[in-house]
N, C-alpha and C. Protein backbone atom coordinates (compact mmCIF):
# COMPACT_ATOMS: atom_id res chain seq x y z
N MET A 1 -60.69 75.58 65.65
CA MET A 1 -61.27 76.09 64.43
C MET A 1 -60.23 76.95 63.72
N GLN A 2 -60.12 76.77 62.42
CA GLN A 2 -59.11 77.51 61.69
C GLN A 2 -59.61 78.91 61.36
N SER A 3 -58.64 79.83 61.20
CA SER A 3 -59.01 81.23 60.96
C SER A 3 -59.77 81.39 59.64
N ASN A 4 -59.44 80.59 58.62
CA ASN A 4 -60.16 80.70 57.34
C ASN A 4 -61.64 80.43 57.53
N GLN A 5 -61.97 79.44 58.35
CA GLN A 5 -63.37 79.12 58.59
C GLN A 5 -64.05 80.25 59.34
N LEU A 6 -63.34 80.85 60.29
CA LEU A 6 -63.92 81.98 61.03
C LEU A 6 -64.15 83.16 60.11
N PHE A 7 -63.19 83.41 59.21
CA PHE A 7 -63.37 84.50 58.25
C PHE A 7 -64.61 84.26 57.41
N LYS A 8 -64.76 83.02 56.93
CA LYS A 8 -65.93 82.70 56.09
C LYS A 8 -67.21 82.82 56.89
N ARG A 9 -67.19 82.34 58.15
CA ARG A 9 -68.39 82.37 58.97
C ARG A 9 -68.84 83.80 59.25
N HIS A 10 -67.90 84.71 59.38
CA HIS A 10 -68.23 86.12 59.62
C HIS A 10 -68.31 86.91 58.31
N GLU A 11 -68.33 86.16 57.20
CA GLU A 11 -68.46 86.73 55.86
C GLU A 11 -67.39 87.78 55.57
N ILE A 12 -66.15 87.44 55.89
CA ILE A 12 -65.02 88.33 55.64
C ILE A 12 -64.12 87.66 54.62
N SER A 13 -63.91 88.35 53.53
CA SER A 13 -63.01 87.78 52.52
C SER A 13 -61.60 88.28 52.77
N THR A 14 -60.64 87.44 52.47
CA THR A 14 -59.25 87.83 52.60
C THR A 14 -58.88 88.62 51.35
N PRO A 15 -58.55 89.90 51.48
CA PRO A 15 -58.25 90.71 50.30
C PRO A 15 -57.01 90.20 49.58
N VAL A 16 -57.13 90.08 48.28
CA VAL A 16 -56.02 89.61 47.46
C VAL A 16 -54.88 90.61 47.51
N ASP A 17 -55.19 91.89 47.64
CA ASP A 17 -54.16 92.93 47.64
C ASP A 17 -53.19 92.78 48.81
N LEU A 18 -53.63 92.17 49.88
CA LEU A 18 -52.72 91.99 51.01
C LEU A 18 -51.78 90.81 50.76
N ILE A 19 -52.20 89.92 49.92
CA ILE A 19 -51.38 88.75 49.62
C ILE A 19 -50.46 89.03 48.44
N ARG A 20 -51.00 89.70 47.43
CA ARG A 20 -50.24 89.94 46.20
C ARG A 20 -50.28 91.42 45.87
N THR A 21 -49.14 92.07 45.91
CA THR A 21 -49.10 93.51 45.67
C THR A 21 -48.40 93.86 44.36
N GLU A 22 -48.04 92.87 43.59
CA GLU A 22 -47.37 93.15 42.32
C GLU A 22 -48.41 93.41 41.23
N PRO A 23 -48.06 94.13 40.18
CA PRO A 23 -49.02 94.42 39.12
C PRO A 23 -49.46 93.14 38.41
N GLU A 24 -50.67 93.20 37.83
CA GLU A 24 -51.20 92.03 37.15
C GLU A 24 -50.37 91.66 35.92
N LYS A 25 -49.90 92.66 35.19
CA LYS A 25 -49.03 92.36 34.05
C LYS A 25 -47.72 93.12 34.23
N PRO A 26 -46.65 92.57 33.73
CA PRO A 26 -45.36 93.25 33.92
C PRO A 26 -45.31 94.59 33.20
N ILE A 27 -44.60 95.53 33.79
CA ILE A 27 -44.45 96.85 33.20
C ILE A 27 -43.22 96.82 32.30
N ASP A 28 -43.43 97.25 31.06
CA ASP A 28 -42.31 97.33 30.12
C ASP A 28 -41.57 98.63 30.42
N LYS A 29 -40.50 98.53 31.17
CA LYS A 29 -39.77 99.72 31.62
C LYS A 29 -39.14 100.48 30.46
N ASN A 30 -38.80 99.83 29.39
CA ASN A 30 -38.17 100.49 28.25
C ASN A 30 -39.13 101.40 27.50
N SER A 31 -40.43 101.09 27.53
CA SER A 31 -41.39 101.89 26.77
C SER A 31 -41.86 103.13 27.54
N LEU A 32 -41.54 103.24 28.79
CA LEU A 32 -41.99 104.37 29.59
C LEU A 32 -40.90 105.42 29.72
N THR A 33 -41.31 106.66 29.64
CA THR A 33 -40.35 107.71 29.97
C THR A 33 -40.30 107.81 31.48
N ARG A 34 -39.39 108.60 32.00
CA ARG A 34 -39.24 108.70 33.46
C ARG A 34 -40.53 109.20 34.11
N SER A 35 -41.16 110.23 33.55
CA SER A 35 -42.38 110.76 34.17
C SER A 35 -43.53 109.76 34.06
N GLU A 36 -43.63 109.07 32.94
CA GLU A 36 -44.67 108.06 32.80
C GLU A 36 -44.45 106.93 33.82
N GLY A 37 -43.21 106.56 33.99
CA GLY A 37 -42.88 105.51 34.97
C GLY A 37 -43.23 105.94 36.38
N GLN A 38 -42.96 107.22 36.71
CA GLN A 38 -43.29 107.72 38.04
C GLN A 38 -44.81 107.75 38.25
N LYS A 39 -45.54 108.17 37.20
CA LYS A 39 -47.01 108.21 37.30
C LYS A 39 -47.56 106.80 37.51
N LYS A 40 -47.04 105.87 36.73
CA LYS A 40 -47.48 104.48 36.83
C LYS A 40 -47.18 103.92 38.23
N LYS A 41 -45.99 104.24 38.72
CA LYS A 41 -45.57 103.77 40.03
C LYS A 41 -46.48 104.35 41.13
N ARG A 42 -46.77 105.66 41.03
CA ARG A 42 -47.65 106.31 42.01
C ARG A 42 -49.06 105.72 41.95
N LYS A 43 -49.55 105.49 40.73
CA LYS A 43 -50.88 104.93 40.55
C LYS A 43 -50.98 103.55 41.20
N LEU A 44 -49.97 102.73 40.97
CA LEU A 44 -49.95 101.40 41.57
C LEU A 44 -49.90 101.48 43.08
N ALA A 45 -49.09 102.38 43.61
CA ALA A 45 -48.96 102.54 45.06
C ALA A 45 -50.27 103.02 45.66
N GLU A 46 -50.93 103.97 45.00
CA GLU A 46 -52.21 104.48 45.51
C GLU A 46 -53.27 103.39 45.52
N GLY A 47 -53.34 102.65 44.43
CA GLY A 47 -54.32 101.56 44.34
C GLY A 47 -54.08 100.51 45.40
N THR A 48 -52.84 100.18 45.64
CA THR A 48 -52.50 99.18 46.64
C THR A 48 -52.84 99.68 48.04
N SER A 49 -52.52 100.94 48.33
CA SER A 49 -52.77 101.45 49.68
C SER A 49 -54.26 101.59 49.95
N GLU A 50 -55.05 101.99 48.94
CA GLU A 50 -56.49 102.10 49.14
C GLU A 50 -57.10 100.73 49.38
N ALA A 51 -56.72 99.78 48.56
CA ALA A 51 -57.25 98.43 48.72
C ALA A 51 -56.77 97.82 50.04
N SER A 52 -55.54 98.11 50.39
CA SER A 52 -55.01 97.58 51.65
C SER A 52 -55.73 98.19 52.84
N ALA A 53 -56.07 99.48 52.75
CA ALA A 53 -56.78 100.13 53.85
C ALA A 53 -58.13 99.46 54.09
N VAL A 54 -58.83 99.14 53.01
CA VAL A 54 -60.11 98.45 53.14
C VAL A 54 -59.87 97.06 53.72
N GLY A 55 -58.87 96.38 53.19
CA GLY A 55 -58.55 95.04 53.67
C GLY A 55 -58.12 95.04 55.12
N ILE A 56 -57.36 96.04 55.53
CA ILE A 56 -56.89 96.13 56.90
C ILE A 56 -58.07 96.33 57.85
N ALA A 57 -59.03 97.16 57.46
CA ALA A 57 -60.20 97.37 58.31
C ALA A 57 -60.97 96.06 58.50
N GLU A 58 -61.12 95.30 57.40
CA GLU A 58 -61.80 94.00 57.50
C GLU A 58 -61.01 93.05 58.40
N LEU A 59 -59.70 93.05 58.25
CA LEU A 59 -58.87 92.18 59.08
C LEU A 59 -58.94 92.57 60.55
N GLN A 60 -58.97 93.87 60.83
CA GLN A 60 -59.07 94.31 62.22
C GLN A 60 -60.41 93.87 62.82
N ASP A 61 -61.48 93.97 62.04
CA ASP A 61 -62.79 93.49 62.51
C ASP A 61 -62.74 91.99 62.76
N ALA A 62 -62.11 91.26 61.84
CA ALA A 62 -62.01 89.81 62.00
C ALA A 62 -61.21 89.45 63.23
N ILE A 63 -60.12 90.17 63.47
CA ILE A 63 -59.29 89.91 64.65
C ILE A 63 -60.08 90.20 65.92
N THR A 64 -60.84 91.28 65.92
CA THR A 64 -61.67 91.61 67.08
C THR A 64 -62.69 90.51 67.33
N ASN A 65 -63.35 90.05 66.24
CA ASN A 65 -64.34 88.97 66.38
C ASN A 65 -63.68 87.69 66.88
N LEU A 66 -62.50 87.38 66.37
CA LEU A 66 -61.78 86.18 66.82
C LEU A 66 -61.41 86.28 68.29
N ARG A 67 -60.96 87.47 68.70
CA ARG A 67 -60.59 87.67 70.11
C ARG A 67 -61.81 87.48 71.02
N ILE A 68 -62.95 88.03 70.62
CA ILE A 68 -64.17 87.88 71.41
C ILE A 68 -64.57 86.41 71.50
N GLU A 69 -64.53 85.73 70.35
CA GLU A 69 -64.88 84.31 70.32
C GLU A 69 -63.90 83.49 71.16
N PHE A 70 -62.62 83.79 71.06
CA PHE A 70 -61.61 83.09 71.83
C PHE A 70 -61.84 83.29 73.33
N ASP A 71 -62.10 84.54 73.74
CA ASP A 71 -62.34 84.84 75.15
C ASP A 71 -63.56 84.09 75.66
N THR A 72 -64.61 84.05 74.84
CA THR A 72 -65.84 83.34 75.22
C THR A 72 -65.56 81.86 75.40
N GLN A 73 -64.81 81.28 74.47
CA GLN A 73 -64.48 79.85 74.57
C GLN A 73 -63.61 79.58 75.78
N MET A 74 -62.67 80.46 76.06
CA MET A 74 -61.78 80.26 77.21
C MET A 74 -62.58 80.30 78.52
N ILE A 75 -63.53 81.21 78.61
CA ILE A 75 -64.37 81.29 79.81
C ILE A 75 -65.14 79.99 79.97
N GLY A 76 -65.68 79.48 78.87
CA GLY A 76 -66.40 78.21 78.90
C GLY A 76 -65.50 77.06 79.34
N PHE A 77 -64.27 77.04 78.83
CA PHE A 77 -63.33 75.99 79.22
C PHE A 77 -62.98 76.08 80.69
N GLU A 78 -62.79 77.31 81.18
CA GLU A 78 -62.46 77.49 82.59
C GLU A 78 -63.60 77.02 83.49
N GLU A 79 -64.83 77.33 83.10
CA GLU A 79 -65.99 76.88 83.88
C GLU A 79 -66.09 75.36 83.86
N GLN A 80 -65.90 74.78 82.68
CA GLN A 80 -65.96 73.33 82.55
C GLN A 80 -64.84 72.67 83.36
N PHE A 81 -63.65 73.23 83.31
CA PHE A 81 -62.53 72.71 84.08
C PHE A 81 -62.85 72.74 85.57
N GLY A 82 -63.44 73.84 86.03
CA GLY A 82 -63.82 73.97 87.44
C GLY A 82 -64.82 72.89 87.84
N ARG A 83 -65.83 72.65 86.98
CA ARG A 83 -66.83 71.61 87.29
C ARG A 83 -66.17 70.24 87.33
N HIS A 84 -65.29 69.97 86.38
CA HIS A 84 -64.61 68.66 86.35
C HIS A 84 -63.72 68.48 87.58
N THR A 85 -63.04 69.53 87.98
CA THR A 85 -62.19 69.45 89.16
C THR A 85 -63.04 69.14 90.40
N THR A 86 -64.17 69.80 90.52
CA THR A 86 -65.07 69.56 91.65
C THR A 86 -65.56 68.12 91.64
N MET A 87 -65.96 67.62 90.46
CA MET A 87 -66.43 66.23 90.37
C MET A 87 -65.33 65.26 90.76
N LEU A 88 -64.10 65.51 90.28
CA LEU A 88 -62.99 64.62 90.62
C LEU A 88 -62.72 64.62 92.13
N GLN A 89 -62.81 65.78 92.75
CA GLN A 89 -62.61 65.86 94.20
C GLN A 89 -63.69 65.09 94.94
N GLU A 90 -64.93 65.19 94.47
CA GLU A 90 -66.03 64.46 95.09
C GLU A 90 -65.83 62.95 94.93
N ILE A 91 -65.43 62.52 93.74
CA ILE A 91 -65.19 61.09 93.48
C ILE A 91 -64.04 60.59 94.36
N LYS A 92 -63.00 61.38 94.47
CA LYS A 92 -61.87 60.98 95.31
C LYS A 92 -62.31 60.83 96.76
N GLY A 93 -63.14 61.76 97.24
CA GLY A 93 -63.67 61.67 98.60
C GLY A 93 -64.51 60.41 98.79
N MET A 94 -65.34 60.09 97.79
CA MET A 94 -66.16 58.88 97.87
C MET A 94 -65.27 57.63 97.91
N LEU A 95 -64.23 57.60 97.08
CA LEU A 95 -63.32 56.45 97.06
C LEU A 95 -62.61 56.28 98.40
N ILE A 96 -62.18 57.40 98.99
CA ILE A 96 -61.51 57.34 100.28
C ILE A 96 -62.46 56.79 101.34
N ARG A 97 -63.73 57.28 101.32
CA ARG A 97 -64.72 56.79 102.29
C ARG A 97 -65.00 55.31 102.07
N MET A 98 -65.13 54.88 100.82
CA MET A 98 -65.38 53.48 100.53
C MET A 98 -64.21 52.61 100.97
N GLN A 99 -63.00 53.09 100.72
CA GLN A 99 -61.81 52.35 101.11
C GLN A 99 -61.73 52.22 102.64
N SER A 100 -62.04 53.31 103.34
CA SER A 100 -62.04 53.28 104.80
C SER A 100 -63.08 52.30 105.31
N LYS A 101 -64.26 52.31 104.71
CA LYS A 101 -65.34 51.41 105.11
C LYS A 101 -64.93 49.96 104.89
N ASP A 102 -64.30 49.66 103.73
CA ASP A 102 -63.83 48.30 103.45
C ASP A 102 -62.78 47.87 104.47
N GLU A 103 -61.87 48.78 104.81
CA GLU A 103 -60.83 48.45 105.78
C GLU A 103 -61.45 48.17 107.16
N GLU A 104 -62.46 48.95 107.55
CA GLU A 104 -63.13 48.74 108.83
C GLU A 104 -63.83 47.39 108.86
N GLU A 105 -64.48 47.03 107.75
CA GLU A 105 -65.18 45.77 107.66
C GLU A 105 -64.20 44.60 107.73
N GLU A 106 -63.04 44.75 107.09
CA GLU A 106 -62.03 43.71 107.15
C GLU A 106 -61.49 43.54 108.57
N GLU A 107 -61.31 44.64 109.28
CA GLU A 107 -60.82 44.58 110.65
C GLU A 107 -61.84 43.91 111.56
N GLU A 108 -63.13 44.17 111.32
CA GLU A 108 -64.19 43.57 112.13
C GLU A 108 -64.24 42.06 111.90
N GLU A 109 -63.99 41.63 110.66
CA GLU A 109 -64.03 40.21 110.32
C GLU A 109 -62.89 39.46 110.99
N ASP A 110 -61.78 40.13 111.19
CA ASP A 110 -60.60 39.47 111.79
C ASP A 110 -60.79 39.33 113.23
């Protein structure tokens, strides 16, 4: 299962701010004075960090949910593998017994 599907299933949206951190429109650097530029820069940084903090919390929850789901699936696979191994061993034992029986019958016929 892909992570996007798991995110959707757990109703977690991938925050755009984590993917794209550049401003929506380009900043005209020539029209800003140094202090205005610094204010704009700080504002953008604050907005990005706040949005990222929310996005990071959602991602951490998603990772935790994925880890739990993965662990659950792995336990199921291990149990299924154990059952299959047991069945294969039983089948092998039956085949060996059948082969021995056939060999005994052939020896009796001779």
